[in-house]
Every structure is written in structure tokens, then in C-alpha cells.
């Protein structure tokens, strides 16, 4: 369980570092939503 939590935290930190700004976070979420929406239409 401890290794799993560490992995999740590491992934979250990498994602946050990759976004760099609040605007970047919003764009990433929008892109993810578009992918999910596209998959739902198929």
C-alpha cells in the first residue's frame, strides 16, 4: 500500500510540474475531456 501511495504522489507531482501554470492545468483537463468525449461517441 505504501509503494502504491508513493507512486500516485510521484505521478501527481510530475503532472503538476509538467503543467507549470493554472492555465496549463485547465488545458490538460480540457484535452482529457475531449478524449473521453470522443471515446464516448464511438
PDB file of N, CA and C in Angstrom:
ATOM      1  N   UNK A   1       0.840  -1.195   0.000  1.00  0.00           N
ATOM      2  CA  UNK A   1       0.000   0.000   0.000  1.00  0.00           C
ATOM      3  C   UNK A   1       0.879   1.251   0.000  1.00  0.00           C
ATOM      4  N   UNK A   2       1.968   1.202   0.739  1.00  0.00           N
ATOM      5  CA  UNK A   2       2.849   2.351   0.835  1.00  0.00           C
ATOM      6  C   UNK A   2       3.507   2.663  -0.508  1.00  0.00           C
ATOM      7  N   UNK A   3       3.917   1.628  -1.239  1.00  0.00           N
ATOM      8  CA  UNK A   3       4.535   1.818  -2.548  1.00  0.00           C
ATOM      9  C   UNK A   3       3.530   2.396  -3.535  1.00  0.00           C
ATOM     10  N   UNK A   4       2.282   1.944  -3.445  1.00  0.00           N
ATOM     11  CA  UNK A   4       1.229   2.437  -4.333  1.00  0.00           C
ATOM     12  C   UNK A   4       0.987   3.917  -4.092  1.00  0.00           C
ATOM     13  N   UNK A   5       0.912   4.320  -2.839  1.00  0.00           N
ATOM     14  CA  UNK A   5       0.696   5.727  -2.491  1.00  0.00           C
ATOM     15  C   UNK A   5       1.866   6.586  -2.966  1.00  0.00           C
ATOM     16  N   UNK A   6       3.077   6.082  -2.801  1.00  0.00           N
ATOM     17  CA  UNK A   6       4.261   6.803  -3.267  1.00  0.00           C
ATOM     18  C   UNK A   6       4.227   6.978  -4.773  1.00  0.00           C
ATOM     19  N   UNK A   7       3.810   5.951  -5.497  1.00  0.00           N
ATOM     20  CA  UNK A   7       3.710   6.019  -6.951  1.00  0.00           C
ATOM     21  C   UNK A   7       2.684   7.058  -7.372  1.00  0.00           C
ATOM     22  N   UNK A   8       1.528   7.074  -6.722  1.00  0.00           N
ATOM     23  CA  UNK A   8       0.480   8.044  -7.044  1.00  0.00           C
ATOM     24  C   UNK A   8       0.973   9.461  -6.800  1.00  0.00           C
ATOM     25  N   UNK A   9       1.645   9.695  -5.688  1.00  0.00           N
ATOM     26  CA  UNK A   9       2.166  11.026  -5.370  1.00  0.00           C
ATOM     27  C   UNK A   9       3.209  11.445  -6.403  1.00  0.00           C
ATOM     28  N   UNK A  10       4.080  10.536  -6.800  1.00  0.00           N
ATOM     29  CA  UNK A  10       5.110  10.849  -7.788  1.00  0.00           C
ATOM     30  C   UNK A  10       4.480  11.220  -9.126  1.00  0.00           C
ATOM     31  N   UNK A  11       3.472  10.482  -9.545  1.00  0.00           N
ATOM     32  CA  UNK A  11       2.786  10.785 -10.804  1.00  0.00           C
ATOM     33  C   UNK A  11       2.103  12.148 -10.723  1.00  0.00           C
ATOM     34  N   UNK A  12       1.465  12.424  -9.607  1.00  0.00           N
ATOM     35  CA  UNK A  12       0.789  13.714  -9.430  1.00  0.00           C
ATOM     36  C   UNK A  12       1.795  14.867  -9.478  1.00  0.00           C
ATOM     37  N   UNK A  13       2.939  14.697  -8.846  1.00  0.00           N
ATOM     38  CA  UNK A  13       3.955  15.754  -8.864  1.00  0.00           C
ATOM     39  C   UNK A  13       4.500  15.976 -10.266  1.00  0.00           C
ATOM     40  N   UNK A  14       4.709  14.905 -11.003  1.00  0.00           N
ATOM     41  CA  UNK A  14       5.180  15.047 -12.386  1.00  0.00           C
ATOM     42  C   UNK A  14       4.137  15.753 -13.248  1.00  0.00           C
ATOM     43  N   UNK A  15       2.876  15.424 -13.038  1.00  0.00           N
ATOM     44  CA  UNK A  15       1.805  16.061 -13.807  1.00  0.00           C
ATOM     45  C   UNK A  15       1.730  17.552 -13.494  1.00  0.00           C
ATOM     46  N   UNK A  16       1.847  17.892 -12.233  1.00  0.00           N
ATOM     47  CA  UNK A  16       1.793  19.294 -11.825  1.00  0.00           C
ATOM     48  C   UNK A  16       3.010  20.047 -12.370  1.00  0.00           C
ATOM     49  N   UNK A  17       4.169  19.434 -12.304  1.00  0.00           N
ATOM     50  CA  UNK A  17       5.379  20.083 -12.810  1.00  0.00           C
ATOM     51  C   UNK A  17       5.302  20.279 -14.323  1.00  0.00           C
ATOM     52  N   UNK A  18       4.676  19.345 -15.006  1.00  0.00           N
ATOM     53  CA  UNK A  18       4.549  19.444 -16.456  1.00  0.00           C
ATOM     54  C   UNK A  18       3.588  20.542 -16.876  1.00  0.00           C
ATOM     55  N   UNK A  19       2.603  20.817 -16.081  1.00  0.00           N
ATOM     56  CA  UNK A  19       1.615  21.842 -16.421  1.00  0.00           C
ATOM     57  C   UNK A  19       2.177  23.239 -16.217  1.00  0.00           C
ATOM     58  N   UNK A  20       2.842  23.445 -15.107  1.00  0.00           N
ATOM     59  CA  UNK A  20       3.534  24.689 -14.791  1.00  0.00           C
ATOM     60  C   UNK A  20       2.627  25.841 -14.374  1.00  0.00           C
ATOM     61  N   UNK A  21       1.420  25.940 -14.884  1.00  0.00           N
ATOM     62  CA  UNK A  21       0.536  27.049 -14.514  1.00  0.00           C
ATOM     63  C   UNK A  21      -0.892  26.544 -14.376  1.00  0.00           C
ATOM     64  N   UNK A  22      -1.731  27.360 -13.787  1.00  0.00           N
ATOM     65  CA  UNK A  22      -3.145  27.020 -13.669  1.00  0.00           C
ATOM     66  C   UNK A  22      -3.764  26.918 -15.056  1.00  0.00           C
ATOM     67  N   UNK A  23      -3.362  27.787 -15.956  1.00  0.00           N
ATOM     68  CA  UNK A  23      -3.875  27.742 -17.328  1.00  0.00           C
ATOM     69  C   UNK A  23      -3.496  26.410 -17.983  1.00  0.00           C
ATOM     70  N   UNK A  24      -2.282  25.970 -17.740  1.00  0.00           N
ATOM     71  CA  UNK A  24      -1.827  24.693 -18.287  1.00  0.00           C
ATOM     72  C   UNK A  24      -2.647  23.529 -17.741  1.00  0.00           C
ATOM     73  N   UNK A  25      -2.983  23.590 -16.460  1.00  0.00           N
ATOM     74  CA  UNK A  25      -3.813  22.552 -15.853  1.00  0.00           C
ATOM     75  C   UNK A  25      -5.176  22.521 -16.538  1.00  0.00           C
ATOM     76  N   UNK A  26      -5.761  23.697 -16.762  1.00  0.00           N
ATOM     77  CA  UNK A  26      -7.061  23.778 -17.428  1.00  0.00           C
ATOM     78  C   UNK A  26      -7.009  23.204 -18.828  1.00  0.00           C
ATOM     79  N   UNK A  27      -5.939  23.477 -19.549  1.00  0.00           N
ATOM     80  CA  UNK A  27      -5.798  22.946 -20.907  1.00  0.00           C
ATOM     81  C   UNK A  27      -5.666  21.426 -20.884  1.00  0.00           C
ATOM     82  N   UNK A  28      -4.899  20.911 -19.923  1.00  0.00           N
ATOM     83  CA  UNK A  28      -4.737  19.462 -19.813  1.00  0.00           C
ATOM     84  C   UNK A  28      -6.066  18.784 -19.509  1.00  0.00           C
ATOM     85  N   UNK A  29      -6.841  19.378 -18.610  1.00  0.00           N
ATOM     86  CA  UNK A  29      -8.142  18.806 -18.256  1.00  0.00           C
ATOM     87  C   UNK A  29      -9.079  18.862 -19.456  1.00  0.00           C
ATOM     88  N   UNK A  30      -9.020  19.945 -20.211  1.00  0.00           N
ATOM     89  CA  UNK A  30      -9.863  20.085 -21.393  1.00  0.00           C
ATOM     90  C   UNK A  30      -9.505  19.026 -22.439  1.00  0.00           C
ATOM     91  N   UNK A  31      -8.227  18.782 -22.642  1.00  0.00           N
ATOM     92  CA  UNK A  31      -7.789  17.772 -23.601  1.00  0.00           C
ATOM     93  C   UNK A  31      -8.252  16.388 -23.166  1.00  0.00           C
ATOM     94  N   UNK A  32      -8.129  16.091 -21.877  1.00  0.00           N
ATOM     95  CA  UNK A  32      -8.563  14.800 -21.359  1.00  0.00           C
ATOM     96  C   UNK A  32     -10.071  14.638 -21.553  1.00  0.00           C
ATOM     97  N   UNK A  33     -10.829  15.706 -21.324  1.00  0.00           N
ATOM     98  CA  UNK A  33     -12.283  15.668 -21.523  1.00  0.00           C
ATOM     99  C   UNK A  33     -12.630  15.419 -22.972  1.00  0.00           C
ATOM    100  N   UNK A  34     -11.876  16.017 -23.888  1.00  0.00           N
ATOM    101  CA  UNK A  34     -12.129  15.807 -25.319  1.00  0.00           C
ATOM    102  C   UNK A  34     -11.886  14.359 -25.714  1.00  0.00           C
ATOM    103  N   UNK A  35     -10.840  13.770 -25.163  1.00  0.00           N
ATOM    104  CA  UNK A  35     -10.534  12.371 -25.457  1.00  0.00           C
ATOM    105  C   UNK A  35     -11.655  11.472 -24.945  1.00  0.00           C
ATOM    106  N   UNK A  36     -12.108  11.728 -23.744  1.00  0.00           N
ATOM    107  CA  UNK A  36     -13.177  10.914 -23.157  1.00  0.00           C
ATOM    108  C   UNK A  36     -14.468  11.091 -23.953  1.00  0.00           C
ATOM    109  N   UNK A  37     -14.755  12.324 -24.341  1.00  0.00           N
ATOM    110  CA  UNK A  37     -15.952  12.593 -25.131  1.00  0.00           C
ATOM    111  C   UNK A  37     -15.895  11.877 -26.473  1.00  0.00           C
ATOM    112  N   UNK A  38     -14.736  11.923 -27.119  1.00  0.00           N
ATOM    113  CA  UNK A  38     -14.554  11.234 -28.390  1.00  0.00           C
ATOM    114  C   UNK A  38     -14.735   9.727 -28.257  1.00  0.00           C
ATOM    115  N   UNK A  39     -14.236   9.169 -27.180  1.00  0.00           N
ATOM    116  CA  UNK A  39     -14.385   7.735 -26.956  1.00  0.00           C
ATOM    117  C   UNK A  39     -15.849   7.379 -26.701  1.00  0.00           C
ATOM    118  N   UNK A  40     -16.576   8.293 -26.067  1.00  0.00           N
ATOM    119  CA  UNK A  40     -17.989   8.043 -25.773  1.00  0.00           C
ATOM    120  C   UNK A  40     -18.849   8.079 -27.016  1.00  0.00           C
ATOM    121  N   UNK A  41     -18.444   8.831 -28.034  1.00  0.00           N
ATOM    122  CA  UNK A  41     -19.224   8.955 -29.263  1.00  0.00           C
ATOM    123  C   UNK A  41     -19.077   7.735 -30.170  1.00  0.00           C
ATOM    124  N   UNK A  42     -18.006   6.971 -29.959  1.00  0.00           N
ATOM    125  CA  UNK A  42     -17.757   5.800 -30.822  1.00  0.00           C
ATOM    126  C   UNK A  42     -18.690   4.670 -30.524  1.00  0.00           C
TER     127      UNK A  42
END
